[in-house]
Amino acid sequence: GDREIADYPVVAFSIAYELEIAGFLRMLDASGIPALRQDRDASHPVVLCGGPLTFSNPLPLAPFTDAIIVGEAEEITPRVVRILSEGLPRHETLARLAEIPHVFVPEHHGSMLPTVAKVDDAMLPAWGPIRTPNAVLRDMFLLETERGCSRMCTYCVMRRSTNGRMSLASMERILSLIPKDARRVGLVGAAVSDHPRIVQIVNQLADEGREVGLSSLRPDRLSDEFVAALKRAGYRTLTTAMDGPSERLRESLERKAKVKHLERCAERARAHGMKGMKLYLMIGLPNETDADIDECVTFTAELSKRIPISLGIAPFCSKRNTPMDGLPFAGIKLVQDRLERLKRGLRGRADVRSTSARWAWVEYILAQGGEAEGLATLAAMREGAKFSDYKRAFAEIEVTRKGMPRR
């Protein structure tokens, strides 16, 4: 109806990663809810947050959020909602929430984060029960095939050590949840291609005339049978991850992606009539040199003789709750120089696109930051949320980590 957001007793947000914080704050401002939790009273909603960011570092959200569910929320959310529905005074409500394991209440916990919640495997999978034309993926039904990851990639928040395991949903359960009228299906998870029955799942959906998209494809898992199933399910481009620009760096990341796997992927994509292959990778990794970039150029150029190649590049940002936590950002200029070297070497042979080195630096500051960086984000958002606004806001706070700006 016409009810204003600020009139609800609770507003909840799922935050995926650091650069979404500004959008969250913009929504609070636009709805008339005071962004700072200290400015809210009994007339305002309780602001609740959760989502993937909580697996790593939700501290930049602390100035704005009354409570944060850290980790997997299915079992905790009903307990939180029951307390919120009791109509207690605000301070009592927050005190009660603070007693729930894995719920972070900044007013009570300061900067001491709880452990990451983990649900029983019987709760899986999650799926998108709300189907609306207003969503970005409005014509795709989304559901999990698995949660977590069994691998140990050193840069990744979803690695095995983060939450102890990879949990699988059964093929029968997955297929039973898909509505009959869903023509496009998105299979979601950090390691979808590691599901032992993923080829059968994709083939079954293709048999039913559905298109299928997968959120993560590992090159060492892309057998000929798997690539054939993807083609049947509507794939025109095979998308997977190179991760590091050289074999040496991939080994340092504890990745299983080898040159031979990527070469086989290219051959199989061509054999099954796909138009191209897209590879994701990071640059600006620790100990990276120009020689690593040049190896990437040589390898990609050779690969492009088999099938058209596009590279999707993201500058490396170290995240909390990973073995690479605290490692410095390579530097905006260095990342830009490396990207230009890659583009120059592959001009006319591969399509090279990258996320911004500047915005990767902003992401890094927030990933390694705390309340001060959160407050700086609010200031930057209200100034217009340009890079220069973030740079100025971050320069005004005291930061001690190596590689960050000082006052």
Protein backbone atom coordinates (compact mmCIF):
# COMPACT_ATOMS: atom_id res chain seq x y z
CA GLY A 1 0.00 0.00 0.00
CA ASP A 2 0.99 3.59 0.63
CA ARG A 3 2.62 2.95 4.00
CA GLU A 4 5.92 4.79 4.44
CA ILE A 5 9.01 2.71 5.18
CA ALA A 6 9.66 4.73 8.33
CA ASP A 7 6.26 3.69 9.69
CA TYR A 8 7.17 0.01 9.92
CA PRO A 9 8.38 -1.30 13.29
CA VAL A 10 11.35 -3.07 11.71
CA VAL A 11 13.30 -2.56 8.48
CA ALA A 12 15.80 -5.22 7.46
CA PHE A 13 18.57 -5.13 4.87
CA SER A 14 20.80 -7.80 3.36
CA ILE A 15 24.23 -6.34 2.57
CA ALA A 16 26.29 -8.35 0.10
CA TYR A 17 29.59 -6.46 0.12
CA GLU A 18 31.27 -3.24 1.16
CA LEU A 19 30.29 -0.93 -1.69
CA GLU A 20 26.60 -1.58 -0.95
CA ILE A 21 26.88 0.27 2.37
CA ALA A 22 26.39 3.65 0.67
CA GLY A 23 23.18 2.41 -0.98
CA PHE A 24 21.91 1.18 2.38
CA LEU A 25 22.57 4.61 3.91
CA ARG A 26 20.93 6.36 0.96
CA MET A 27 17.80 4.29 1.53
CA LEU A 28 17.70 5.28 5.21
CA ASP A 29 18.06 8.97 4.30
CA ALA A 30 15.42 8.73 1.57
CA SER A 31 12.93 7.08 3.94
CA GLY A 32 13.41 9.66 6.68
CA ILE A 33 14.92 7.16 9.14
CA PRO A 34 17.92 8.71 10.95
CA ALA A 35 21.00 6.97 9.59
CA LEU A 36 22.81 7.02 12.93
CA ARG A 37 21.34 4.57 15.43
CA GLN A 38 22.11 6.99 18.27
CA ASP A 39 19.66 9.47 16.69
CA ARG A 40 16.76 7.02 16.61
CA ASP A 41 14.11 6.67 19.33
CA ALA A 42 10.94 4.70 19.97
CA SER A 43 9.18 6.39 17.06
CA HIS A 44 11.65 4.93 14.55
CA PRO A 45 11.93 1.39 13.20
CA VAL A 46 14.54 -1.01 14.50
CA VAL A 47 17.15 -1.33 11.74
CA LEU A 48 18.30 -4.91 11.27
CA CYS A 49 21.06 -6.08 8.91
CA GLY A 50 22.47 -9.38 7.69
CA GLY A 51 23.83 -10.87 4.52
CA PRO A 52 27.14 -12.05 3.03
CA LEU A 53 29.11 -9.07 4.35
CA THR A 54 28.60 -10.40 7.89
CA PHE A 55 30.82 -13.41 7.12
CA SER A 56 33.74 -11.04 6.80
CA ASN A 57 33.54 -7.61 8.47
CA PRO A 58 30.23 -5.89 9.32
CA LEU A 59 31.87 -3.33 11.66
CA PRO A 60 31.44 -0.39 9.22
CA LEU A 61 27.67 -0.96 9.63
CA ALA A 62 27.82 -0.57 13.41
CA PRO A 63 27.05 3.19 13.60
CA PHE A 64 23.84 2.68 11.63
CA THR A 65 22.43 -0.73 12.58
CA ASP A 66 20.60 -1.61 15.78
CA ALA A 67 21.35 -5.32 15.36
CA ILE A 68 23.20 -7.50 12.86
CA ILE A 69 22.62 -11.22 12.35
CA VAL A 70 26.11 -12.58 11.66
CA GLY A 71 26.24 -15.53 9.28
CA GLU A 72 23.44 -17.89 8.26
CA ALA A 73 20.20 -16.39 9.49
CA GLU A 74 17.43 -18.96 8.97
CA GLU A 75 17.30 -20.24 12.55
CA ILE A 76 18.08 -16.92 14.25
CA THR A 77 15.66 -14.65 12.39
CA PRO A 78 12.48 -16.12 13.98
CA ARG A 79 13.95 -15.57 17.47
CA VAL A 80 14.85 -11.99 16.57
CA VAL A 81 11.38 -11.31 15.14
CA ARG A 82 9.67 -12.73 18.24
CA ILE A 83 11.56 -10.32 20.48
CA LEU A 84 10.91 -7.40 18.15
CA SER A 85 7.18 -8.18 18.16
CA GLU A 86 6.87 -8.04 21.97
CA GLY A 87 6.65 -4.24 22.00
CA LEU A 88 9.26 -3.74 24.71
CA PRO A 89 11.01 -0.41 25.20
CA ARG A 90 13.83 0.03 22.71
CA HIS A 91 16.68 -0.44 25.22
CA GLU A 92 15.09 -3.64 26.54
CA THR A 93 14.58 -4.97 23.03
CA LEU A 94 18.25 -4.41 22.20
CA ALA A 95 19.36 -5.98 25.47
CA ARG A 96 17.30 -9.08 24.67
CA LEU A 97 18.68 -9.28 21.14
CA ALA A 98 22.21 -8.99 22.48
CA GLU A 99 21.69 -12.24 24.41
CA ILE A 100 21.07 -14.25 21.23
CA PRO A 101 24.22 -16.02 19.98
CA HIS A 102 25.50 -14.67 16.65
CA VAL A 103 23.51 -11.43 16.95
CA PHE A 104 25.73 -8.35 17.06
CA VAL A 105 24.20 -5.38 18.89
CA PRO A 106 26.71 -2.51 18.71
CA GLU A 107 25.13 -0.70 21.69
CA HIS A 108 26.00 -3.70 23.88
CA HIS A 109 28.94 -5.37 22.15
CA GLY A 110 31.04 -2.40 21.04
CA SER A 111 33.35 -3.81 18.37
CA MET A 112 33.38 -7.42 19.62
CA LEU A 113 31.86 -9.45 16.81
CA PRO A 114 30.22 -12.80 17.53
CA THR A 115 31.06 -15.98 15.67
CA VAL A 116 29.43 -16.71 12.33
CA ALA A 117 26.14 -18.62 12.64
CA LYS A 118 25.73 -21.96 10.91
CA VAL A 119 22.38 -23.64 10.29
CA ASP A 120 21.54 -27.31 10.20
CA ASP A 121 21.84 -28.79 6.72
CA ALA A 122 18.15 -29.70 6.87
CA MET A 123 17.36 -25.97 6.45
CA LEU A 124 18.85 -25.94 2.95
CA PRO A 125 18.32 -24.82 0.32
CA ALA A 126 17.25 -21.19 0.37
CA TRP A 127 15.22 -20.01 -2.60
CA GLY A 128 13.48 -16.88 -3.82
CA PRO A 129 9.79 -17.23 -2.88
CA ILE A 130 8.97 -13.65 -3.90
CA ARG A 131 8.63 -13.36 -7.66
CA THR A 132 8.25 -9.83 -8.92
CA PRO A 133 8.81 -7.93 -12.18
CA ASN A 134 10.64 -5.27 -10.12
CA ALA A 135 13.69 -7.46 -9.41
CA VAL A 136 16.95 -7.26 -11.39
CA LEU A 137 16.67 -10.97 -12.26
CA ARG A 138 12.90 -10.76 -12.56
CA ASP A 139 12.58 -13.58 -15.08
CA MET A 140 14.84 -16.03 -13.23
CA PHE A 141 13.91 -18.27 -10.29
CA LEU A 142 16.87 -18.45 -7.88
CA LEU A 143 17.70 -21.24 -5.45
CA GLU A 144 20.73 -22.75 -3.76
CA THR A 145 22.28 -26.04 -4.74
CA GLU A 146 24.87 -25.85 -1.96
CA ARG A 147 26.20 -23.49 0.70
CA GLY A 148 29.76 -22.72 1.64
CA CYS A 149 32.80 -24.18 -0.09
CA SER A 150 35.05 -27.17 0.47
CA ARG A 151 38.06 -25.43 -1.06
CA MET A 152 40.73 -23.41 0.69
CA CYS A 153 41.41 -20.46 -1.65
CA THR A 154 43.30 -18.03 0.56
CA TYR A 155 41.56 -14.82 -0.57
CA CYS A 156 37.97 -16.03 -0.26
CA VAL A 157 35.55 -15.35 2.59
CA MET A 158 33.49 -18.43 1.70
CA ARG A 159 36.40 -20.89 2.00
CA ARG A 160 36.02 -24.04 4.12
CA SER A 161 37.49 -22.49 7.26
CA THR A 162 34.92 -19.67 7.33
CA ASN A 163 31.98 -21.83 8.27
CA GLY A 164 33.42 -25.27 8.51
CA ARG A 165 32.07 -27.01 5.44
CA MET A 166 30.19 -27.14 2.19
CA SER A 167 26.58 -28.28 2.63
CA LEU A 168 24.65 -29.86 -0.22
CA ALA A 169 20.98 -29.84 -1.09
CA SER A 170 19.79 -33.06 -2.69
CA MET A 171 18.99 -33.13 -6.38
CA GLU A 172 15.43 -34.23 -5.58
CA ARG A 173 14.91 -31.35 -3.15
CA ILE A 174 16.32 -28.79 -5.59
CA LEU A 175 14.11 -29.94 -8.47
CA SER A 176 11.00 -30.14 -6.30
CA LEU A 177 11.23 -26.46 -5.35
CA ILE A 178 11.31 -25.07 -8.89
CA PRO A 179 7.89 -23.74 -10.01
CA LYS A 180 6.48 -25.37 -13.13
CA ASP A 181 6.25 -22.02 -14.92
CA ALA A 182 9.86 -20.94 -14.24
CA ARG A 183 11.45 -20.86 -17.68
CA ARG A 184 14.83 -19.62 -16.40
CA VAL A 185 16.48 -21.03 -13.27
CA GLY A 186 19.50 -19.66 -11.42
CA LEU A 187 21.49 -22.15 -9.34
CA VAL A 188 23.25 -20.24 -6.58
CA GLY A 189 26.19 -20.97 -4.29
CA ALA A 190 29.89 -20.37 -3.78
CA ALA A 191 30.79 -23.71 -5.39
CA VAL A 192 27.80 -24.81 -7.47
CA SER A 193 29.93 -26.81 -9.90
CA ASP A 194 31.28 -28.90 -6.99
CA HIS A 195 27.83 -30.41 -6.36
CA PRO A 196 28.26 -34.12 -7.17
CA ARG A 197 25.02 -34.25 -9.20
CA ILE A 198 25.19 -30.86 -10.89
CA VAL A 199 25.40 -32.31 -14.41
CA GLN A 200 22.27 -34.37 -13.84
CA ILE A 201 20.47 -31.33 -12.38
CA VAL A 202 21.34 -29.15 -15.37
CA ASN A 203 20.38 -31.87 -17.85
CA GLN A 204 17.05 -32.46 -16.11
CA LEU A 205 16.21 -28.77 -16.29
CA ALA A 206 17.28 -28.64 -19.93
CA ASP A 207 15.05 -31.67 -20.65
CA GLU A 208 12.15 -29.64 -19.26
CA GLY A 209 12.93 -26.82 -21.68
CA ARG A 210 14.36 -24.43 -19.10
CA GLU A 211 17.37 -22.16 -19.37
CA VAL A 212 19.84 -22.48 -16.49
CA GLY A 213 22.44 -20.14 -15.05
CA LEU A 214 25.08 -21.12 -12.50
CA SER A 215 26.74 -18.64 -10.15
CA SER A 216 30.14 -20.37 -10.00
CA LEU A 217 31.90 -22.68 -12.43
CA ARG A 218 35.32 -24.09 -11.54
CA PRO A 219 37.53 -24.96 -14.53
CA ASP A 220 38.71 -28.27 -13.05
CA ARG A 221 35.07 -29.41 -12.83
CA LEU A 222 34.06 -28.56 -16.40
CA SER A 223 34.08 -32.00 -17.98
CA ASP A 224 32.92 -32.51 -21.55
CA GLU A 225 29.60 -33.83 -20.22
CA PHE A 226 29.17 -30.74 -18.04
CA VAL A 227 29.89 -28.29 -20.86
CA ALA A 228 27.46 -30.17 -23.11
CA ALA A 229 24.77 -29.87 -20.42
CA LEU A 230 25.41 -26.12 -20.09
CA LYS A 231 25.05 -25.66 -23.85
CA ARG A 232 21.75 -27.53 -23.77
CA ALA A 233 20.59 -25.26 -20.94
CA GLY A 234 21.21 -22.08 -22.94
CA TYR A 235 24.85 -21.15 -22.34
CA ARG A 236 26.39 -19.25 -25.24
CA THR A 237 29.55 -18.23 -23.39
CA LEU A 238 31.42 -20.44 -20.94
CA THR A 239 32.32 -18.41 -17.86
CA THR A 240 34.87 -19.60 -15.33
CA ALA A 241 37.77 -18.29 -13.24
CA MET A 242 41.47 -17.96 -13.94
CA ASP A 243 41.83 -16.13 -10.58
CA GLY A 244 45.50 -15.14 -10.81
CA PRO A 245 47.38 -13.95 -13.90
CA SER A 246 50.10 -16.62 -13.64
CA GLU A 247 50.49 -20.22 -12.55
CA ARG A 248 52.78 -19.11 -9.73
CA LEU A 249 50.20 -16.73 -8.30
CA ARG A 250 47.37 -19.24 -8.68
CA GLU A 251 49.39 -21.70 -6.63
CA SER A 252 49.97 -19.03 -3.96
CA LEU A 253 46.19 -18.60 -3.75
CA GLU A 254 45.76 -22.37 -3.34
CA ARG A 255 43.63 -22.48 -6.46
CA LYS A 256 43.11 -25.71 -8.37
CA ALA A 257 42.80 -23.92 -11.72
CA LYS A 258 45.70 -25.09 -13.86
CA VAL A 259 46.69 -24.16 -17.39
CA LYS A 260 45.57 -27.59 -18.60
CA HIS A 261 42.09 -27.07 -17.11
CA LEU A 262 41.64 -23.70 -18.79
CA GLU A 263 42.86 -25.08 -22.12
CA ARG A 264 40.40 -27.96 -21.89
CA CYS A 265 37.58 -25.53 -21.08
CA ALA A 266 38.35 -23.55 -24.25
CA GLU A 267 38.44 -26.71 -26.36
CA ARG A 268 35.16 -28.00 -24.92
CA ALA A 269 33.39 -24.65 -25.27
CA ARG A 270 34.40 -24.55 -28.96
CA ALA A 271 33.48 -28.20 -29.53
CA HIS A 272 29.98 -27.57 -28.17
CA GLY A 273 29.40 -24.50 -30.31
CA MET A 274 29.75 -21.77 -27.71
CA LYS A 275 30.61 -18.31 -28.97
CA GLY A 276 33.33 -17.53 -26.45
CA MET A 277 34.81 -18.00 -23.02
CA LYS A 278 34.98 -15.47 -20.21
CA LEU A 279 37.61 -15.73 -17.50
CA TYR A 280 37.58 -13.87 -14.19
CA LEU A 281 40.85 -12.99 -12.50
CA MET A 282 42.44 -10.64 -9.99
CA ILE A 283 45.42 -8.37 -10.45
CA GLY A 284 47.33 -6.43 -7.81
CA LEU A 285 48.02 -9.62 -5.86
CA PRO A 286 50.81 -9.78 -3.25
CA ASN A 287 54.23 -10.38 -4.85
CA GLU A 288 52.82 -9.85 -8.33
CA THR A 289 55.26 -8.58 -10.95
CA ASP A 290 55.11 -7.46 -14.57
CA ALA A 291 56.31 -10.97 -15.48
CA ASP A 292 53.04 -12.41 -14.10
CA ILE A 293 51.04 -10.00 -16.25
CA ASP A 294 53.13 -10.89 -19.30
CA GLU A 295 52.49 -14.61 -18.66
CA CYS A 296 48.77 -13.85 -18.63
CA VAL A 297 49.09 -12.01 -21.95
CA THR A 298 50.95 -14.89 -23.60
CA PHE A 299 48.58 -17.56 -22.24
CA THR A 300 45.40 -15.62 -23.08
CA ALA A 301 46.63 -14.84 -26.59
CA GLU A 302 47.24 -18.54 -27.20
CA LEU A 303 43.85 -19.44 -25.75
CA SER A 304 42.14 -16.91 -28.03
CA LYS A 305 43.29 -18.93 -31.06
CA ARG A 306 40.85 -21.65 -29.94
CA ILE A 307 37.86 -19.49 -28.97
CA PRO A 308 37.19 -15.76 -28.43
CA ILE A 309 38.28 -14.79 -24.94
CA SER A 310 37.14 -11.99 -22.63
CA LEU A 311 38.76 -11.23 -19.30
CA GLY A 312 36.81 -9.82 -16.36
CA ILE A 313 39.30 -8.32 -13.95
CA ALA A 314 38.96 -7.20 -10.34
CA PRO A 315 41.79 -5.67 -8.29
CA PHE A 316 42.63 -7.75 -5.23
CA CYS A 317 41.14 -6.55 -1.92
CA SER A 318 42.12 -8.40 1.24
CA LYS A 319 39.14 -9.38 3.41
CA ARG A 320 38.72 -10.13 7.09
CA ASN A 321 38.24 -13.75 8.10
CA THR A 322 40.63 -15.00 5.39
CA PRO A 323 44.33 -15.96 5.48
CA MET A 324 45.08 -12.84 3.40
CA ASP A 325 43.47 -10.49 5.92
CA GLY A 326 45.47 -7.30 6.42
CA LEU A 327 47.58 -7.49 3.28
CA PRO A 328 47.92 -4.03 1.72
CA PHE A 329 46.20 -2.79 -1.40
CA ALA A 330 48.65 -2.74 -4.29
CA GLY A 331 47.94 0.91 -5.04
CA ILE A 332 45.62 2.61 -7.51
CA LYS A 333 48.38 3.65 -9.93
CA LEU A 334 50.11 0.26 -9.86
CA VAL A 335 46.85 -1.56 -10.55
CA GLN A 336 46.03 0.85 -13.38
CA ASP A 337 49.51 0.35 -14.86
CA ARG A 338 49.19 -3.43 -14.70
CA LEU A 339 45.74 -3.28 -16.28
CA GLU A 340 47.06 -1.08 -19.09
CA ARG A 341 49.95 -3.50 -19.64
CA LEU A 342 47.43 -6.35 -19.95
CA LYS A 343 45.18 -4.41 -22.32
CA ARG A 344 48.10 -3.33 -24.45
CA GLY A 345 49.42 -6.89 -24.74
CA LEU A 346 46.02 -8.32 -25.67
CA ARG A 347 44.77 -5.54 -27.93
CA GLY A 348 43.00 -7.13 -30.87
CA ARG A 349 43.27 -10.61 -29.33
CA ALA A 350 40.99 -10.53 -26.27
CA ASP A 351 38.41 -8.26 -24.69
CA VAL A 352 39.75 -6.96 -21.36
CA ARG A 353 37.43 -5.25 -18.87
CA SER A 354 38.07 -4.34 -15.27
CA THR A 355 36.31 -2.94 -12.27
CA SER A 356 37.74 0.40 -11.19
CA ALA A 357 41.04 0.45 -9.30
CA ARG A 358 39.76 3.50 -7.43
CA TRP A 359 36.59 1.79 -6.26
CA ALA A 360 38.54 -1.33 -5.39
CA TRP A 361 40.60 0.86 -3.05
CA VAL A 362 37.38 2.14 -1.43
CA GLU A 363 36.20 -1.45 -1.04
CA TYR A 364 39.53 -2.37 0.55
CA ILE A 365 39.38 0.48 3.06
CA LEU A 366 35.89 -0.60 4.14
CA ALA A 367 36.79 -4.31 4.16
CA GLN A 368 39.62 -3.61 6.60
CA GLY A 369 37.86 -0.80 8.47
CA GLY A 370 35.48 -0.26 11.35
CA GLU A 371 33.01 2.31 12.63
CA ALA A 372 35.15 5.27 11.56
CA GLU A 373 35.18 4.05 7.96
CA GLY A 374 31.42 3.53 8.14
CA LEU A 375 30.92 7.12 9.29
CA ALA A 376 33.21 8.29 6.50
CA THR A 377 30.99 6.44 4.03
CA LEU A 378 27.97 8.35 5.34
CA ALA A 379 29.82 11.65 4.86
CA ALA A 380 30.90 10.65 1.35
CA MET A 381 27.40 9.51 0.39
CA ARG A 382 25.89 12.82 1.49
CA GLU A 383 28.50 14.74 -0.49
CA GLY A 384 27.56 12.87 -3.66
CA ALA A 385 29.34 9.50 -3.30
CA LYS A 386 32.00 10.33 -5.90
CA PHE A 387 35.45 8.81 -5.49
CA SER A 388 36.82 12.20 -4.46
CA ASP A 389 34.20 12.33 -1.68
CA TYR A 390 35.38 8.97 -0.32
CA LYS A 391 39.02 9.94 -0.61
CA ARG A 392 38.42 13.14 1.32
CA ALA A 393 36.28 11.41 3.97
CA PHE A 394 38.83 8.64 4.52
CA ALA A 395 41.67 11.18 4.72
CA GLU A 396 39.92 12.87 7.64
CA ILE A 397 39.95 9.82 9.89
CA GLU A 398 42.80 8.27 11.83
CA VAL A 399 43.75 4.99 10.19
CA THR A 400 46.62 2.80 11.31
CA ARG A 401 46.65 -0.08 8.86
CA LYS A 402 49.49 -0.12 6.37
CA GLY A 403 48.55 1.17 2.95
CA MET A 404 45.68 3.37 4.12
CA PRO A 405 45.66 7.18 4.14
CA ARG A 406 46.67 9.03 7.29
CA ARG A 407 45.40 12.37 8.50
